[in-house]
Amino acid sequence: MKFVLYNLATAKEAWADEAARLYTQKISHFNPFEILTLKPKKSSRDEAAVKKKEESELILSSLSNDDFVILFDERGKSFNSIEFSKKIESVLSSSKKRAVFIIGGAYGVSDEVRSRAQLVVTLSPMVMNHLLAQTVALEQIYRAFTIIRNLPYHNS
């Protein structure tokens, strides 16, 4: 099963690029993994509803019916790292071809994207910058693999 993280970030920051490169490399030691940047149309900040709708349509059109979808959203279910690793282990043993991790844009995602997700997870009850959320998500995916493999990274 391949893991893919959908990225809607339009901003680029050197620290986030380096973190993405590092964690992609680390996760790929355990499982095929890539970050796929979806390119939303440019729109004004005044068009929040339009932007959210367009980004959500872009996400949905990029998904396959056979994808296991995990949405990171502040309204999702909270898991500790051990619980999250068990969810990842369960996904790995499913018959799906891809696990797609999604971090919504600045205005979140539509109800259609939320209902398409088999798992909705919060990284924090606080809202955070997209690039920071991506870095936290990548670290937790990596941590989950180290827990599954019983490697000395996670300290309970």
N, C-alpha and C. Protein backbone atom coordinates (compact mmCIF):
# COMPACT_ATOMS: atom_id res chain seq x y z
N MET A 1 0.85 -1.18 0.00
CA MET A 1 0.00 0.00 0.00
C MET A 1 0.89 1.24 0.00
N LYS A 2 0.53 2.17 -0.84
CA LYS A 2 1.27 3.43 -0.90
C LYS A 2 0.59 4.46 -0.02
N PHE A 3 1.38 5.27 0.67
CA PHE A 3 0.87 6.39 1.46
C PHE A 3 1.15 7.67 0.70
N VAL A 4 0.15 8.54 0.65
CA VAL A 4 0.28 9.83 -0.04
C VAL A 4 -0.28 10.91 0.88
N LEU A 5 0.44 12.01 0.99
CA LEU A 5 -0.06 13.17 1.73
C LEU A 5 -0.42 14.24 0.71
N TYR A 6 -1.70 14.63 0.68
CA TYR A 6 -2.13 15.71 -0.21
C TYR A 6 -1.83 17.03 0.47
N ASN A 7 -1.15 17.88 -0.27
CA ASN A 7 -0.71 19.17 0.23
C ASN A 7 -1.35 20.26 -0.62
N LEU A 8 -2.03 21.19 0.01
CA LEU A 8 -2.64 22.32 -0.69
C LEU A 8 -1.88 23.61 -0.46
N ALA A 9 -0.76 23.53 0.21
CA ALA A 9 -0.01 24.74 0.55
C ALA A 9 0.46 25.46 -0.69
N THR A 10 0.25 26.76 -0.70
CA THR A 10 0.74 27.58 -1.81
C THR A 10 2.01 28.30 -1.38
N ALA A 11 2.18 28.49 -0.09
CA ALA A 11 3.38 29.15 0.43
C ALA A 11 4.52 28.14 0.51
N LYS A 12 5.73 28.61 0.36
CA LYS A 12 6.90 27.76 0.50
C LYS A 12 7.81 28.37 1.55
N GLU A 13 8.28 27.52 2.43
CA GLU A 13 9.22 27.93 3.48
C GLU A 13 10.33 26.90 3.51
N ALA A 14 11.56 27.35 3.60
CA ALA A 14 12.71 26.45 3.58
C ALA A 14 12.63 25.41 4.70
N TRP A 15 12.23 25.83 5.91
CA TRP A 15 12.18 24.90 7.04
C TRP A 15 11.15 23.79 6.79
N ALA A 16 10.01 24.15 6.19
CA ALA A 16 8.96 23.16 5.92
C ALA A 16 9.38 22.22 4.79
N ASP A 17 10.05 22.76 3.79
CA ASP A 17 10.56 21.91 2.70
C ASP A 17 11.57 20.91 3.22
N GLU A 18 12.44 21.36 4.11
CA GLU A 18 13.45 20.46 4.69
C GLU A 18 12.79 19.40 5.56
N ALA A 19 11.82 19.78 6.37
CA ALA A 19 11.10 18.81 7.20
C ALA A 19 10.37 17.79 6.32
N ALA A 20 9.73 18.26 5.26
CA ALA A 20 9.02 17.36 4.34
C ALA A 20 9.99 16.38 3.69
N ARG A 21 11.14 16.87 3.26
CA ARG A 21 12.15 16.01 2.64
C ARG A 21 12.65 14.96 3.64
N LEU A 22 12.96 15.41 4.85
CA LEU A 22 13.47 14.52 5.89
C LEU A 22 12.46 13.43 6.24
N TYR A 23 11.21 13.82 6.51
CA TYR A 23 10.21 12.83 6.92
C TYR A 23 9.76 11.95 5.77
N THR A 24 9.76 12.46 4.55
CA THR A 24 9.46 11.61 3.39
C THR A 24 10.50 10.51 3.29
N GLN A 25 11.75 10.87 3.46
CA GLN A 25 12.84 9.90 3.42
C GLN A 25 12.69 8.87 4.54
N LYS A 26 12.41 9.34 5.75
CA LYS A 26 12.27 8.43 6.90
C LYS A 26 11.09 7.49 6.74
N ILE A 27 9.94 8.02 6.34
CA ILE A 27 8.73 7.20 6.19
C ILE A 27 8.94 6.18 5.07
N SER A 28 9.63 6.59 4.01
CA SER A 28 9.85 5.71 2.85
C SER A 28 10.69 4.48 3.19
N HIS A 29 11.42 4.52 4.29
CA HIS A 29 12.15 3.33 4.74
C HIS A 29 11.18 2.23 5.17
N PHE A 30 9.99 2.61 5.58
CA PHE A 30 9.00 1.66 6.06
C PHE A 30 7.95 1.32 5.00
N ASN A 31 7.62 2.29 4.17
CA ASN A 31 6.47 2.15 3.28
C ASN A 31 6.61 3.15 2.13
N PRO A 32 6.16 2.78 0.92
CA PRO A 32 6.17 3.78 -0.16
C PRO A 32 5.38 5.02 0.26
N PHE A 33 5.96 6.19 0.04
CA PHE A 33 5.35 7.43 0.52
C PHE A 33 5.72 8.59 -0.39
N GLU A 34 4.76 9.48 -0.61
CA GLU A 34 5.05 10.71 -1.34
C GLU A 34 4.11 11.82 -0.88
N ILE A 35 4.58 13.04 -1.08
CA ILE A 35 3.74 14.22 -0.86
C ILE A 35 3.32 14.71 -2.23
N LEU A 36 2.04 14.85 -2.44
CA LEU A 36 1.50 15.32 -3.71
C LEU A 36 0.91 16.70 -3.50
N THR A 37 1.46 17.68 -4.18
CA THR A 37 0.96 19.05 -4.06
C THR A 37 -0.15 19.27 -5.07
N LEU A 38 -1.34 19.55 -4.57
CA LEU A 38 -2.48 19.88 -5.43
C LEU A 38 -2.47 21.38 -5.62
N LYS A 39 -2.64 21.82 -6.83
CA LYS A 39 -2.56 23.25 -7.15
C LYS A 39 -3.95 23.86 -7.27
N PRO A 40 -4.43 24.50 -6.20
CA PRO A 40 -5.74 25.16 -6.29
C PRO A 40 -5.63 26.45 -7.09
N LYS A 41 -6.77 26.88 -7.61
CA LYS A 41 -6.81 28.16 -8.33
C LYS A 41 -6.54 29.29 -7.34
N LYS A 42 -5.94 30.34 -7.82
CA LYS A 42 -5.72 31.52 -6.98
C LYS A 42 -7.05 32.25 -6.83
N SER A 43 -7.36 32.64 -5.62
CA SER A 43 -8.56 33.44 -5.39
C SER A 43 -8.31 34.38 -4.23
N SER A 44 -9.16 35.34 -4.11
CA SER A 44 -9.03 36.37 -3.08
C SER A 44 -9.41 35.80 -1.72
N ARG A 45 -8.84 36.37 -0.66
CA ARG A 45 -9.20 35.95 0.70
C ARG A 45 -10.68 36.24 0.98
N ASP A 46 -11.27 37.17 0.22
CA ASP A 46 -12.69 37.49 0.40
C ASP A 46 -13.59 36.38 -0.11
N GLU A 47 -13.02 35.45 -0.86
CA GLU A 47 -13.80 34.38 -1.46
C GLU A 47 -13.59 33.06 -0.72
N ALA A 48 -13.67 33.08 0.59
CA ALA A 48 -13.38 31.89 1.41
C ALA A 48 -14.25 30.70 1.02
N ALA A 49 -15.54 30.90 0.87
CA ALA A 49 -16.45 29.80 0.53
C ALA A 49 -16.12 29.22 -0.84
N VAL A 50 -15.79 30.10 -1.78
CA VAL A 50 -15.44 29.66 -3.14
C VAL A 50 -14.14 28.86 -3.10
N LYS A 51 -13.16 29.37 -2.39
CA LYS A 51 -11.85 28.70 -2.29
C LYS A 51 -12.00 27.32 -1.64
N LYS A 52 -12.75 27.25 -0.56
CA LYS A 52 -12.98 25.98 0.14
C LYS A 52 -13.65 24.98 -0.80
N LYS A 53 -14.64 25.43 -1.54
CA LYS A 53 -15.36 24.56 -2.49
C LYS A 53 -14.42 24.06 -3.59
N GLU A 54 -13.65 24.97 -4.18
CA GLU A 54 -12.73 24.59 -5.26
C GLU A 54 -11.65 23.63 -4.77
N GLU A 55 -11.09 23.91 -3.59
CA GLU A 55 -10.06 23.01 -3.04
C GLU A 55 -10.65 21.64 -2.74
N SER A 56 -11.86 21.61 -2.20
CA SER A 56 -12.51 20.34 -1.89
C SER A 56 -12.79 19.54 -3.15
N GLU A 57 -13.23 20.22 -4.20
CA GLU A 57 -13.48 19.54 -5.48
C GLU A 57 -12.18 18.98 -6.05
N LEU A 58 -11.09 19.73 -5.91
CA LEU A 58 -9.78 19.28 -6.37
C LEU A 58 -9.35 18.02 -5.60
N ILE A 59 -9.54 18.04 -4.30
CA ILE A 59 -9.21 16.87 -3.48
C ILE A 59 -10.03 15.67 -3.92
N LEU A 60 -11.34 15.83 -4.00
CA LEU A 60 -12.23 14.72 -4.35
C LEU A 60 -11.91 14.16 -5.73
N SER A 61 -11.60 15.02 -6.68
CA SER A 61 -11.30 14.55 -8.04
C SER A 61 -9.95 13.82 -8.10
N SER A 62 -9.11 14.00 -7.11
CA SER A 62 -7.80 13.36 -7.07
C SER A 62 -7.83 12.01 -6.35
N LEU A 63 -8.96 11.69 -5.75
CA LEU A 63 -9.09 10.44 -5.00
C LEU A 63 -9.63 9.33 -5.90
N SER A 64 -9.21 8.13 -5.58
CA SER A 64 -9.74 6.93 -6.23
C SER A 64 -10.76 6.30 -5.30
N ASN A 65 -11.69 5.54 -5.85
CA ASN A 65 -12.69 4.85 -5.02
C ASN A 65 -12.03 3.87 -4.06
N ASP A 66 -10.84 3.40 -4.42
CA ASP A 66 -10.16 2.40 -3.62
C ASP A 66 -9.19 2.99 -2.59
N ASP A 67 -9.21 4.30 -2.41
CA ASP A 67 -8.33 4.95 -1.43
C ASP A 67 -8.92 4.89 -0.03
N PHE A 68 -8.05 4.68 0.94
CA PHE A 68 -8.42 4.86 2.34
C PHE A 68 -8.03 6.29 2.68
N VAL A 69 -9.01 7.11 3.06
CA VAL A 69 -8.78 8.54 3.24
C VAL A 69 -8.74 8.90 4.73
N ILE A 70 -7.65 9.57 5.11
CA ILE A 70 -7.47 10.05 6.48
C ILE A 70 -7.37 11.57 6.41
N LEU A 71 -8.31 12.24 7.03
CA LEU A 71 -8.36 13.70 7.02
C LEU A 71 -7.84 14.22 8.35
N PHE A 72 -6.88 15.14 8.29
CA PHE A 72 -6.44 15.85 9.48
C PHE A 72 -7.26 17.13 9.57
N ASP A 73 -8.00 17.28 10.67
CA ASP A 73 -8.93 18.40 10.81
C ASP A 73 -9.10 18.69 12.30
N GLU A 74 -9.14 19.96 12.67
CA GLU A 74 -9.23 20.30 14.10
C GLU A 74 -10.51 19.77 14.75
N ARG A 75 -11.52 19.41 13.95
CA ARG A 75 -12.75 18.84 14.51
C ARG A 75 -12.75 17.32 14.52
N GLY A 76 -11.60 16.73 14.22
CA GLY A 76 -11.49 15.27 14.17
C GLY A 76 -11.35 14.66 15.55
N LYS A 77 -11.18 13.35 15.56
CA LYS A 77 -11.01 12.59 16.80
C LYS A 77 -9.55 12.71 17.25
N SER A 78 -9.38 12.84 18.54
CA SER A 78 -8.05 12.96 19.13
C SER A 78 -7.51 11.56 19.47
N PHE A 79 -6.28 11.30 19.07
CA PHE A 79 -5.61 10.04 19.39
C PHE A 79 -4.25 10.35 20.00
N ASN A 80 -3.81 9.50 20.91
CA ASN A 80 -2.41 9.61 21.30
C ASN A 80 -1.60 8.84 20.25
N SER A 81 -0.29 8.89 20.34
CA SER A 81 0.55 8.29 19.30
C SER A 81 0.39 6.78 19.20
N ILE A 82 0.20 6.11 20.32
CA ILE A 82 0.00 4.65 20.30
C ILE A 82 -1.32 4.32 19.59
N GLU A 83 -2.38 5.03 19.94
CA GLU A 83 -3.68 4.80 19.30
C GLU A 83 -3.61 5.09 17.80
N PHE A 84 -2.93 6.16 17.44
CA PHE A 84 -2.80 6.50 16.02
C PHE A 84 -2.02 5.41 15.28
N SER A 85 -0.97 4.89 15.90
CA SER A 85 -0.19 3.82 15.26
C SER A 85 -1.05 2.58 15.03
N LYS A 86 -1.97 2.30 15.94
CA LYS A 86 -2.88 1.15 15.75
C LYS A 86 -3.81 1.40 14.57
N LYS A 87 -4.25 2.64 14.39
CA LYS A 87 -5.07 2.98 13.23
C LYS A 87 -4.27 2.79 11.94
N ILE A 88 -3.02 3.23 11.94
CA ILE A 88 -2.17 3.08 10.76
C ILE A 88 -1.93 1.60 10.47
N GLU A 89 -1.70 0.82 11.50
CA GLU A 89 -1.51 -0.62 11.33
C GLU A 89 -2.74 -1.27 10.72
N SER A 90 -3.91 -0.83 11.16
CA SER A 90 -5.17 -1.34 10.61
C SER A 90 -5.31 -0.95 9.13
N VAL A 91 -4.94 0.27 8.80
CA VAL A 91 -4.99 0.71 7.40
C VAL A 91 -4.05 -0.14 6.55
N LEU A 92 -2.86 -0.41 7.05
CA LEU A 92 -1.89 -1.21 6.32
C LEU A 92 -2.40 -2.62 6.03
N SER A 93 -3.21 -3.16 6.92
CA SER A 93 -3.72 -4.52 6.73
C SER A 93 -5.02 -4.55 5.92
N SER A 94 -5.50 -3.39 5.51
CA SER A 94 -6.72 -3.35 4.69
C SER A 94 -6.38 -3.72 3.25
N SER A 95 -7.40 -3.90 2.45
CA SER A 95 -7.20 -4.28 1.04
C SER A 95 -7.08 -3.06 0.12
N LYS A 96 -7.02 -1.88 0.70
CA LYS A 96 -6.93 -0.66 -0.10
C LYS A 96 -5.55 -0.55 -0.76
N LYS A 97 -5.50 0.15 -1.89
CA LYS A 97 -4.24 0.31 -2.62
C LYS A 97 -3.43 1.51 -2.14
N ARG A 98 -4.16 2.54 -1.67
CA ARG A 98 -3.48 3.76 -1.20
C ARG A 98 -4.14 4.25 0.07
N ALA A 99 -3.32 4.83 0.94
CA ALA A 99 -3.83 5.60 2.07
C ALA A 99 -3.50 7.04 1.74
N VAL A 100 -4.53 7.88 1.71
CA VAL A 100 -4.34 9.29 1.36
C VAL A 100 -4.62 10.13 2.60
N PHE A 101 -3.61 10.87 3.03
CA PHE A 101 -3.71 11.78 4.16
C PHE A 101 -3.99 13.17 3.59
N ILE A 102 -4.96 13.86 4.16
CA ILE A 102 -5.35 15.17 3.65
C ILE A 102 -5.29 16.20 4.77
N ILE A 103 -4.67 17.33 4.46
CA ILE A 103 -4.72 18.50 5.33
C ILE A 103 -5.45 19.56 4.52
N GLY A 104 -6.57 20.04 5.03
CA GLY A 104 -7.36 21.03 4.30
C GLY A 104 -6.63 22.35 4.16
N GLY A 105 -7.16 23.19 3.30
CA GLY A 105 -6.60 24.52 3.10
C GLY A 105 -6.93 25.44 4.25
N ALA A 106 -6.69 26.71 4.06
CA ALA A 106 -6.87 27.72 5.11
C ALA A 106 -8.30 27.76 5.64
N TYR A 107 -9.27 27.40 4.82
CA TYR A 107 -10.68 27.47 5.22
C TYR A 107 -11.27 26.09 5.49
N GLY A 108 -10.42 25.07 5.57
CA GLY A 108 -10.90 23.73 5.84
C GLY A 108 -11.36 23.03 4.58
N VAL A 109 -12.17 21.99 4.76
CA VAL A 109 -12.68 21.21 3.63
C VAL A 109 -14.20 21.14 3.71
N SER A 110 -14.80 20.76 2.61
CA SER A 110 -16.26 20.64 2.54
C SER A 110 -16.73 19.41 3.31
N ASP A 111 -18.03 19.38 3.56
CA ASP A 111 -18.64 18.21 4.20
C ASP A 111 -18.46 16.96 3.33
N GLU A 112 -18.40 17.15 2.01
CA GLU A 112 -18.21 16.00 1.11
C GLU A 112 -16.85 15.35 1.33
N VAL A 113 -15.82 16.15 1.50
CA VAL A 113 -14.49 15.60 1.78
C VAL A 113 -14.50 14.92 3.15
N ARG A 114 -15.10 15.58 4.12
CA ARG A 114 -15.16 15.02 5.47
C ARG A 114 -15.89 13.67 5.47
N SER A 115 -16.98 13.57 4.72
CA SER A 115 -17.73 12.31 4.70
C SER A 115 -17.02 11.24 3.87
N ARG A 116 -16.15 11.64 2.95
CA ARG A 116 -15.37 10.68 2.14
C ARG A 116 -14.26 10.03 2.97
N ALA A 117 -13.83 10.72 4.02
CA ALA A 117 -12.75 10.20 4.86
C ALA A 117 -13.24 9.06 5.74
N GLN A 118 -12.46 8.00 5.78
CA GLN A 118 -12.77 6.89 6.69
C GLN A 118 -12.30 7.19 8.11
N LEU A 119 -11.38 8.14 8.23
CA LEU A 119 -10.85 8.51 9.54
C LEU A 119 -10.58 10.01 9.53
N VAL A 120 -11.12 10.71 10.54
CA VAL A 120 -10.88 12.15 10.69
C VAL A 120 -10.16 12.33 12.02
N VAL A 121 -8.95 12.86 11.94
CA VAL A 121 -8.05 12.95 13.09
C VAL A 121 -7.68 14.41 13.34
N THR A 122 -7.67 14.81 14.59
CA THR A 122 -7.16 16.14 14.92
C THR A 122 -5.70 16.03 15.35
N LEU A 123 -4.89 16.93 14.86
CA LEU A 123 -3.51 17.04 15.32
C LEU A 123 -3.45 17.88 16.58
N SER A 124 -4.45 18.75 16.75
CA SER A 124 -4.56 19.64 17.89
C SER A 124 -5.93 20.29 17.84
N PRO A 125 -6.50 20.63 18.99
CA PRO A 125 -7.76 21.38 18.93
C PRO A 125 -7.55 22.82 18.45
N MET A 126 -6.30 23.25 18.39
CA MET A 126 -5.98 24.59 17.89
C MET A 126 -5.79 24.52 16.38
N VAL A 127 -6.12 25.60 15.71
CA VAL A 127 -5.86 25.72 14.28
C VAL A 127 -4.39 26.09 14.12
N MET A 128 -3.74 25.51 13.11
CA MET A 128 -2.34 25.86 12.88
C MET A 128 -2.08 26.08 11.40
N ASN A 129 -1.00 26.76 11.12
CA ASN A 129 -0.53 27.01 9.77
C ASN A 129 -0.42 25.68 9.02
N HIS A 130 -0.75 25.70 7.73
CA HIS A 130 -0.76 24.49 6.91
C HIS A 130 0.60 23.78 6.93
N LEU A 131 1.67 24.55 6.81
CA LEU A 131 3.00 23.95 6.78
C LEU A 131 3.37 23.31 8.12
N LEU A 132 2.96 23.93 9.20
CA LEU A 132 3.21 23.36 10.52
C LEU A 132 2.37 22.09 10.70
N ALA A 133 1.11 22.14 10.29
CA ALA A 133 0.25 20.95 10.37
C ALA A 133 0.85 19.81 9.57
N GLN A 134 1.37 20.12 8.39
CA GLN A 134 1.99 19.08 7.57
C GLN A 134 3.18 18.46 8.29
N THR A 135 4.01 19.29 8.90
CA THR A 135 5.19 18.79 9.61
C THR A 135 4.78 17.90 10.79
N VAL A 136 3.78 18.33 11.54
CA VAL A 136 3.30 17.53 12.68
C VAL A 136 2.72 16.20 12.17
N ALA A 137 1.94 16.25 11.10
CA ALA A 137 1.35 15.03 10.53
C ALA A 137 2.44 14.06 10.07
N LEU A 138 3.44 14.58 9.38
CA LEU A 138 4.54 13.73 8.91
C LEU A 138 5.27 13.07 10.08
N GLU A 139 5.53 13.85 11.12
CA GLU A 139 6.22 13.29 12.29
C GLU A 139 5.38 12.19 12.93
N GLN A 140 4.08 12.38 13.01
CA GLN A 140 3.21 11.38 13.63
C GLN A 140 3.09 10.12 12.77
N ILE A 141 3.10 10.27 11.45
CA ILE A 141 3.09 9.10 10.57
C ILE A 141 4.40 8.32 10.76
N TYR A 142 5.51 9.03 10.78
CA TYR A 142 6.80 8.38 11.03
C TYR A 142 6.82 7.70 12.40
N ARG A 143 6.36 8.41 13.42
CA ARG A 143 6.31 7.86 14.78
C ARG A 143 5.46 6.59 14.80
N ALA A 144 4.33 6.60 14.08
CA ALA A 144 3.46 5.42 14.04
C ALA A 144 4.21 4.21 13.50
N PHE A 145 4.99 4.40 12.45
CA PHE A 145 5.76 3.28 11.91
C PHE A 145 6.80 2.78 12.90
N THR A 146 7.44 3.68 13.63
CA THR A 146 8.44 3.23 14.61
C THR A 146 7.78 2.46 15.75
N ILE A 147 6.56 2.85 16.11
CA ILE A 147 5.82 2.12 17.15
C ILE A 147 5.42 0.74 16.62
N ILE A 148 4.90 0.70 15.41
CA ILE A 148 4.49 -0.58 14.80
C ILE A 148 5.68 -1.53 14.73
N ARG A 149 6.85 -1.01 14.39
CA ARG A 149 8.06 -1.84 14.24
C ARG A 149 8.82 -2.01 15.56
N ASN A 150 8.28 -1.42 16.63
CA ASN A 150 8.90 -1.52 17.95
C ASN A 150 10.35 -0.99 17.95
N LEU A 151 10.55 0.13 17.29
CA LEU A 151 11.86 0.77 17.24
C LEU A 151 11.99 1.80 18.36
N PRO A 152 13.20 2.09 18.80
CA PRO A 152 13.40 2.99 19.94
C PRO A 152 13.33 4.48 19.57
N TYR A 153 12.19 4.93 19.11
CA TYR A 153 11.99 6.36 18.82
C TYR A 153 10.97 6.94 19.77
N HIS A 154 9.86 6.22 19.94
CA HIS A 154 8.77 6.69 20.79
C HIS A 154 9.03 6.29 22.24
N ASN A 155 8.91 7.25 23.14
CA ASN A 155 9.04 6.97 24.57
C ASN A 155 7.70 7.22 25.23
N SER A 156 7.08 6.16 25.70
CA SER A 156 5.77 6.29 26.35
C SER A 156 5.90 6.89 27.72
